[in-house]
């Protein structure tokens, strides 16, 4: 699953010149996925001359302690 989504996101960066992604419902995906996906996509973006590439995720929760885990 991680490799398939990573490949898809990398192709969007390369083919369409995407310079950032907003990722919905981050809290509903396990942490291990994000620990693999995010650094891989960020590293790929740098190879595409996008040093300011941005990933940010949406987490809807009002508890600062919970939010800090993201």
PDB file of N, CA and C in Angstrom:
ATOM      1  N   UNK A   1       0.820  -1.194   0.000  1.00  0.00           N
ATOM      2  CA  UNK A   1       0.000   0.000   0.000  1.00  0.00           C
ATOM      3  C   UNK A   1       0.867   1.263   0.000  1.00  0.00           C
ATOM      4  N   UNK A   2       1.876   1.291   0.863  1.00  0.00           N
ATOM      5  CA  UNK A   2       2.728   2.483   0.948  1.00  0.00           C
ATOM      6  C   UNK A   2       3.433   2.718  -0.379  1.00  0.00           C
ATOM      7  N   UNK A   3       3.999   1.685  -0.959  1.00  0.00           N
ATOM      8  CA  UNK A   3       4.761   1.888  -2.194  1.00  0.00           C
ATOM      9  C   UNK A   3       3.853   2.325  -3.341  1.00  0.00           C
ATOM     10  N   UNK A   4       2.657   1.785  -3.422  1.00  0.00           N
ATOM     11  CA  UNK A   4       1.736   2.180  -4.482  1.00  0.00           C
ATOM     12  C   UNK A   4       1.329   3.642  -4.385  1.00  0.00           C
ATOM     13  N   UNK A   5       0.968   4.087  -3.187  1.00  0.00           N
ATOM     14  CA  UNK A   5       0.582   5.483  -3.004  1.00  0.00           C
ATOM     15  C   UNK A   5       1.775   6.412  -3.181  1.00  0.00           C
ATOM     16  N   UNK A   6       2.923   5.986  -2.700  1.00  0.00           N
ATOM     17  CA  UNK A   6       4.127   6.803  -2.862  1.00  0.00           C
ATOM     18  C   UNK A   6       4.433   7.004  -4.345  1.00  0.00           C
ATOM     19  N   UNK A   7       4.373   5.938  -5.117  1.00  0.00           N
ATOM     20  CA  UNK A   7       4.631   6.024  -6.551  1.00  0.00           C
ATOM     21  C   UNK A   7       3.637   6.958  -7.230  1.00  0.00           C
ATOM     22  N   UNK A   8       2.366   6.875  -6.844  1.00  0.00           N
ATOM     23  CA  UNK A   8       1.346   7.731  -7.433  1.00  0.00           C
ATOM     24  C   UNK A   8       1.610   9.207  -7.119  1.00  0.00           C
ATOM     25  N   UNK A   9       1.901   9.506  -5.868  1.00  0.00           N
ATOM     26  CA  UNK A   9       2.173  10.897  -5.486  1.00  0.00           C
ATOM     27  C   UNK A   9       3.438  11.424  -6.158  1.00  0.00           C
ATOM     28  N   UNK A  10       4.461  10.581  -6.262  1.00  0.00           N
ATOM     29  CA  UNK A  10       5.685  10.999  -6.948  1.00  0.00           C
ATOM     30  C   UNK A  10       5.407  11.309  -8.419  1.00  0.00           C
ATOM     31  N   UNK A  11       4.553  10.514  -9.043  1.00  0.00           N
ATOM     32  CA  UNK A  11       4.252  10.771 -10.457  1.00  0.00           C
ATOM     33  C   UNK A  11       3.509  12.092 -10.618  1.00  0.00           C
ATOM     34  N   UNK A  12       2.649  12.452  -9.678  1.00  0.00           N
ATOM     35  CA  UNK A  12       1.960  13.737  -9.749  1.00  0.00           C
ATOM     36  C   UNK A  12       2.954  14.896  -9.623  1.00  0.00           C
ATOM     37  N   UNK A  13       3.936  14.728  -8.749  1.00  0.00           N
ATOM     38  CA  UNK A  13       4.969  15.755  -8.598  1.00  0.00           C
ATOM     39  C   UNK A  13       5.732  15.912  -9.909  1.00  0.00           C
ATOM     40  N   UNK A  14       6.145  14.791 -10.461  1.00  0.00           N
ATOM     41  CA  UNK A  14       6.962  14.814 -11.674  1.00  0.00           C
ATOM     42  C   UNK A  14       6.158  15.238 -12.907  1.00  0.00           C
ATOM     43  N   UNK A  15       4.995  14.663 -13.092  1.00  0.00           N
ATOM     44  CA  UNK A  15       4.228  14.877 -14.328  1.00  0.00           C
ATOM     45  C   UNK A  15       3.465  16.204 -14.359  1.00  0.00           C
ATOM     46  N   UNK A  16       3.014  16.663 -13.186  1.00  0.00           N
ATOM     47  CA  UNK A  16       2.158  17.853 -13.147  1.00  0.00           C
ATOM     48  C   UNK A  16       2.789  19.039 -12.421  1.00  0.00           C
ATOM     49  N   UNK A  17       3.994  18.855 -11.908  1.00  0.00           N
ATOM     50  CA  UNK A  17       4.673  19.955 -11.242  1.00  0.00           C
ATOM     51  C   UNK A  17       4.072  20.340  -9.900  1.00  0.00           C
ATOM     52  N   UNK A  18       3.379  19.409  -9.267  1.00  0.00           N
ATOM     53  CA  UNK A  18       2.771  19.675  -7.957  1.00  0.00           C
ATOM     54  C   UNK A  18       3.859  20.125  -6.991  1.00  0.00           C
ATOM     55  N   UNK A  19       3.565  21.141  -6.168  1.00  0.00           N
ATOM     56  CA  UNK A  19       4.569  21.622  -5.208  1.00  0.00           C
ATOM     57  C   UNK A  19       4.123  21.481  -3.758  1.00  0.00           C
ATOM     58  N   UNK A  20       3.066  20.704  -3.527  1.00  0.00           N
ATOM     59  CA  UNK A  20       2.636  20.434  -2.168  1.00  0.00           C
ATOM     60  C   UNK A  20       1.335  19.663  -2.148  1.00  0.00           C
ATOM     61  N   UNK A  21       1.101  18.980  -1.049  1.00  0.00           N
ATOM     62  CA  UNK A  21      -0.133  18.212  -0.868  1.00  0.00           C
ATOM     63  C   UNK A  21      -0.740  18.504   0.490  1.00  0.00           C
ATOM     64  N   UNK A  22      -2.064  18.629   0.520  1.00  0.00           N
ATOM     65  CA  UNK A  22      -2.833  18.631   1.758  1.00  0.00           C
ATOM     66  C   UNK A  22      -3.449  17.244   1.876  1.00  0.00           C
ATOM     67  N   UNK A  23      -3.183  16.599   2.977  1.00  0.00           N
ATOM     68  CA  UNK A  23      -3.607  15.217   3.169  1.00  0.00           C
ATOM     69  C   UNK A  23      -4.753  15.163   4.185  1.00  0.00           C
ATOM     70  N   UNK A  24      -5.913  14.721   3.734  1.00  0.00           N
ATOM     71  CA  UNK A  24      -7.092  14.635   4.602  1.00  0.00           C
ATOM     72  C   UNK A  24      -6.992  13.478   5.584  1.00  0.00           C
ATOM     73  N   UNK A  25      -7.668  13.637   6.676  1.00  0.00           N
ATOM     74  CA  UNK A  25      -7.904  12.592   7.684  1.00  0.00           C
ATOM     75  C   UNK A  25      -6.643  11.813   8.070  1.00  0.00           C
ATOM     76  N   UNK A  26      -5.582  12.535   8.322  1.00  0.00           N
ATOM     77  CA  UNK A  26      -4.310  11.919   8.705  1.00  0.00           C
ATOM     78  C   UNK A  26      -4.469  11.025   9.934  1.00  0.00           C
ATOM     79  N   UNK A  27      -5.323  11.426  10.850  1.00  0.00           N
ATOM     80  CA  UNK A  27      -5.474  10.662  12.096  1.00  0.00           C
ATOM     81  C   UNK A  27      -6.060   9.273  11.873  1.00  0.00           C
ATOM     82  N   UNK A  28      -6.643   9.013  10.726  1.00  0.00           N
ATOM     83  CA  UNK A  28      -7.283   7.721  10.467  1.00  0.00           C
ATOM     84  C   UNK A  28      -6.372   6.735   9.746  1.00  0.00           C
ATOM     85  N   UNK A  29      -5.116   7.122   9.557  1.00  0.00           N
ATOM     86  CA  UNK A  29      -4.132   6.258   8.912  1.00  0.00           C
ATOM     87  C   UNK A  29      -3.025   5.997   9.924  1.00  0.00           C
ATOM     88  N   UNK A  30      -2.539   4.772   9.973  1.00  0.00           N
ATOM     89  CA  UNK A  30      -1.557   4.440  11.010  1.00  0.00           C
ATOM     90  C   UNK A  30      -0.258   5.234  10.849  1.00  0.00           C
ATOM     91  N   UNK A  31       0.370   5.480  11.959  1.00  0.00           N
ATOM     92  CA  UNK A  31       1.591   6.293  12.025  1.00  0.00           C
ATOM     93  C   UNK A  31       2.703   5.707  11.170  1.00  0.00           C
ATOM     94  N   UNK A  32       2.805   4.387  11.125  1.00  0.00           N
ATOM     95  CA  UNK A  32       3.866   3.744  10.349  1.00  0.00           C
ATOM     96  C   UNK A  32       3.777   4.104   8.867  1.00  0.00           C
ATOM     97  N   UNK A  33       2.560   4.246   8.367  1.00  0.00           N
ATOM     98  CA  UNK A  33       2.397   4.662   6.969  1.00  0.00           C
ATOM     99  C   UNK A  33       3.030   6.026   6.753  1.00  0.00           C
ATOM    100  N   UNK A  34       2.668   6.990   7.602  1.00  0.00           N
ATOM    101  CA  UNK A  34       3.190   8.355   7.428  1.00  0.00           C
ATOM    102  C   UNK A  34       4.693   8.409   7.620  1.00  0.00           C
ATOM    103  N   UNK A  35       5.230   7.583   8.506  1.00  0.00           N
ATOM    104  CA  UNK A  35       6.674   7.576   8.741  1.00  0.00           C
ATOM    105  C   UNK A  35       7.443   7.084   7.524  1.00  0.00           C
ATOM    106  N   UNK A  36       6.808   6.296   6.695  1.00  0.00           N
ATOM    107  CA  UNK A  36       7.436   5.842   5.454  1.00  0.00           C
ATOM    108  C   UNK A  36       7.109   6.779   4.294  1.00  0.00           C
ATOM    109  N   UNK A  37       5.838   7.110   4.140  1.00  0.00           N
ATOM    110  CA  UNK A  37       5.357   7.904   3.012  1.00  0.00           C
ATOM    111  C   UNK A  37       5.959   9.307   2.969  1.00  0.00           C
ATOM    112  N   UNK A  38       5.846  10.034   4.058  1.00  0.00           N
ATOM    113  CA  UNK A  38       6.234  11.456   4.063  1.00  0.00           C
ATOM    114  C   UNK A  38       7.709  11.672   3.707  1.00  0.00           C
ATOM    115  N   UNK A  39       8.657  10.994   4.356  1.00  0.00           N
ATOM    116  CA  UNK A  39      10.063  11.245   3.993  1.00  0.00           C
ATOM    117  C   UNK A  39      10.389  10.839   2.552  1.00  0.00           C
ATOM    118  N   UNK A  40       9.757   9.776   2.082  1.00  0.00           N
ATOM    119  CA  UNK A  40      10.021   9.319   0.722  1.00  0.00           C
ATOM    120  C   UNK A  40       9.533  10.343  -0.299  1.00  0.00           C
ATOM    121  N   UNK A  41       8.315  10.854  -0.098  1.00  0.00           N
ATOM    122  CA  UNK A  41       7.769  11.862  -1.019  1.00  0.00           C
ATOM    123  C   UNK A  41       8.583  13.149  -0.940  1.00  0.00           C
ATOM    124  N   UNK A  42       8.948  13.552   0.270  1.00  0.00           N
ATOM    125  CA  UNK A  42       9.746  14.784   0.415  1.00  0.00           C
ATOM    126  C   UNK A  42      11.106  14.640  -0.273  1.00  0.00           C
ATOM    127  N   UNK A  43      11.746  13.509  -0.110  1.00  0.00           N
ATOM    128  CA  UNK A  43      13.040  13.281  -0.764  1.00  0.00           C
ATOM    129  C   UNK A  43      12.893  13.303  -2.289  1.00  0.00           C
ATOM    130  N   UNK A  44      11.827  12.696  -2.785  1.00  0.00           N
ATOM    131  CA  UNK A  44      11.596  12.710  -4.233  1.00  0.00           C
ATOM    132  C   UNK A  44      11.392  14.134  -4.736  1.00  0.00           C
ATOM    133  N   UNK A  45      10.624  14.912  -4.006  1.00  0.00           N
ATOM    134  CA  UNK A  45      10.378  16.302  -4.417  1.00  0.00           C
ATOM    135  C   UNK A  45      11.692  17.072  -4.547  1.00  0.00           C
ATOM    136  N   UNK A  46      12.621  16.815  -3.657  1.00  0.00           N
ATOM    137  CA  UNK A  46      13.926  17.490  -3.743  1.00  0.00           C
ATOM    138  C   UNK A  46      14.661  17.105  -5.015  1.00  0.00           C
ATOM    139  N   UNK A  47      14.510  15.844  -5.457  1.00  0.00           N
ATOM    140  CA  UNK A  47      15.159  15.429  -6.708  1.00  0.00           C
ATOM    141  C   UNK A  47      14.523  16.108  -7.911  1.00  0.00           C
ATOM    142  N   UNK A  48      13.326  16.650  -7.726  1.00  0.00           N
ATOM    143  CA  UNK A  48      12.611  17.353  -8.791  1.00  0.00           C
ATOM    144  C   UNK A  48      12.791  18.866  -8.676  1.00  0.00           C
ATOM    145  N   UNK A  49      13.814  19.273  -7.932  1.00  0.00           N
ATOM    146  CA  UNK A  49      14.139  20.690  -7.736  1.00  0.00           C
ATOM    147  C   UNK A  49      12.990  21.447  -7.062  1.00  0.00           C
ATOM    148  N   UNK A  50      12.436  20.826  -6.019  1.00  0.00           N
ATOM    149  CA  UNK A  50      11.373  21.440  -5.233  1.00  0.00           C
ATOM    150  C   UNK A  50      11.776  21.432  -3.746  1.00  0.00           C
ATOM    151  N   UNK A  51      12.770  22.245  -3.391  1.00  0.00           N
ATOM    152  CA  UNK A  51      13.259  22.233  -2.007  1.00  0.00           C
ATOM    153  C   UNK A  51      12.233  22.757  -0.995  1.00  0.00           C
ATOM    154  N   UNK A  52      11.232  23.509  -1.464  1.00  0.00           N
ATOM    155  CA  UNK A  52      10.212  24.048  -0.561  1.00  0.00           C
ATOM    156  C   UNK A  52       8.905  23.258  -0.623  1.00  0.00           C
ATOM    157  N   UNK A  53       8.963  22.036  -1.109  1.00  0.00           N
ATOM    158  CA  UNK A  53       7.774  21.191  -1.200  1.00  0.00           C
ATOM    159  C   UNK A  53       7.130  21.059   0.180  1.00  0.00           C
ATOM    160  N   UNK A  54       5.800  21.049   0.204  1.00  0.00           N
ATOM    161  CA  UNK A  54       5.069  21.030   1.466  1.00  0.00           C
ATOM    162  C   UNK A  54       4.096  19.864   1.519  1.00  0.00           C
ATOM    163  N   UNK A  55       4.085  19.172   2.640  1.00  0.00           N
ATOM    164  CA  UNK A  55       3.051  18.196   2.969  1.00  0.00           C
ATOM    165  C   UNK A  55       2.412  18.676   4.261  1.00  0.00           C
ATOM    166  N   UNK A  56       1.099  18.775   4.289  1.00  0.00           N
ATOM    167  CA  UNK A  56       0.458  19.041   5.561  1.00  0.00           C
ATOM    168  C   UNK A  56      -0.820  18.236   5.648  1.00  0.00           C
ATOM    169  N   UNK A  57      -1.095  17.772   6.853  1.00  0.00           N
ATOM    170  CA  UNK A  57      -2.226  16.887   7.060  1.00  0.00           C
ATOM    171  C   UNK A  57      -3.281  17.494   7.949  1.00  0.00           C
ATOM    172  N   UNK A  58      -4.516  17.121   7.677  1.00  0.00           N
ATOM    173  CA  UNK A  58      -5.666  17.594   8.433  1.00  0.00           C
ATOM    174  C   UNK A  58      -5.962  16.597   9.555  1.00  0.00           C
ATOM    175  N   UNK A  59      -6.013  17.130  10.756  1.00  0.00           N
ATOM    176  CA  UNK A  59      -6.433  16.357  11.922  1.00  0.00           C
ATOM    177  C   UNK A  59      -7.434  17.210  12.676  1.00  0.00           C
ATOM    178  N   UNK A  60      -8.670  16.753  12.749  1.00  0.00           N
ATOM    179  CA  UNK A  60      -9.719  17.532  13.402  1.00  0.00           C
ATOM    180  C   UNK A  60      -9.896  17.023  14.823  1.00  0.00           C
ATOM    181  N   UNK A  61      -9.327  17.774  15.763  1.00  0.00           N
ATOM    182  CA  UNK A  61      -9.429  17.423  17.172  1.00  0.00           C
ATOM    183  C   UNK A  61      -8.982  18.646  17.970  1.00  0.00           C
ATOM    184  N   UNK A  62      -9.697  18.969  19.022  1.00  0.00           N
ATOM    185  CA  UNK A  62      -9.370  20.150  19.810  1.00  0.00           C
ATOM    186  C   UNK A  62      -8.412  19.911  20.955  1.00  0.00           C
ATOM    187  N   UNK A  63      -7.930  18.701  21.118  1.00  0.00           N
ATOM    188  CA  UNK A  63      -7.050  18.362  22.241  1.00  0.00           C
ATOM    189  C   UNK A  63      -5.586  18.568  21.841  1.00  0.00           C
ATOM    190  N   UNK A  64      -4.911  19.569  22.406  1.00  0.00           N
ATOM    191  CA  UNK A  64      -3.505  19.842  22.047  1.00  0.00           C
ATOM    192  C   UNK A  64      -2.583  18.641  22.268  1.00  0.00           C
ATOM    193  N   UNK A  65      -2.827  17.881  23.316  1.00  0.00           N
ATOM    194  CA  UNK A  65      -1.974  16.713  23.582  1.00  0.00           C
ATOM    195  C   UNK A  65      -2.102  15.688  22.456  1.00  0.00           C
ATOM    196  N   UNK A  66      -3.318  15.450  22.001  1.00  0.00           N
ATOM    197  CA  UNK A  66      -3.542  14.527  20.893  1.00  0.00           C
ATOM    198  C   UNK A  66      -2.938  15.074  19.597  1.00  0.00           C
ATOM    199  N   UNK A  67      -3.163  16.339  19.319  1.00  0.00           N
ATOM    200  CA  UNK A  67      -2.643  16.943  18.097  1.00  0.00           C
ATOM    201  C   UNK A  67      -1.124  16.905  18.043  1.00  0.00           C
ATOM    202  N   UNK A  68      -0.482  16.982  19.184  1.00  0.00           N
ATOM    203  CA  UNK A  68       0.990  17.001  19.215  1.00  0.00           C
ATOM    204  C   UNK A  68       1.603  15.706  18.697  1.00  0.00           C
ATOM    205  N   UNK A  69       0.824  14.633  18.638  1.00  0.00           N
ATOM    206  CA  UNK A  69       1.364  13.362  18.118  1.00  0.00           C
ATOM    207  C   UNK A  69       1.521  13.397  16.605  1.00  0.00           C
ATOM    208  N   UNK A  70       0.962  14.420  15.973  1.00  0.00           N
ATOM    209  CA  UNK A  70       1.049  14.544  14.521  1.00  0.00           C
ATOM    210  C   UNK A  70       2.048  15.602  14.135  1.00  0.00           C
TER     211      UNK A  70
END
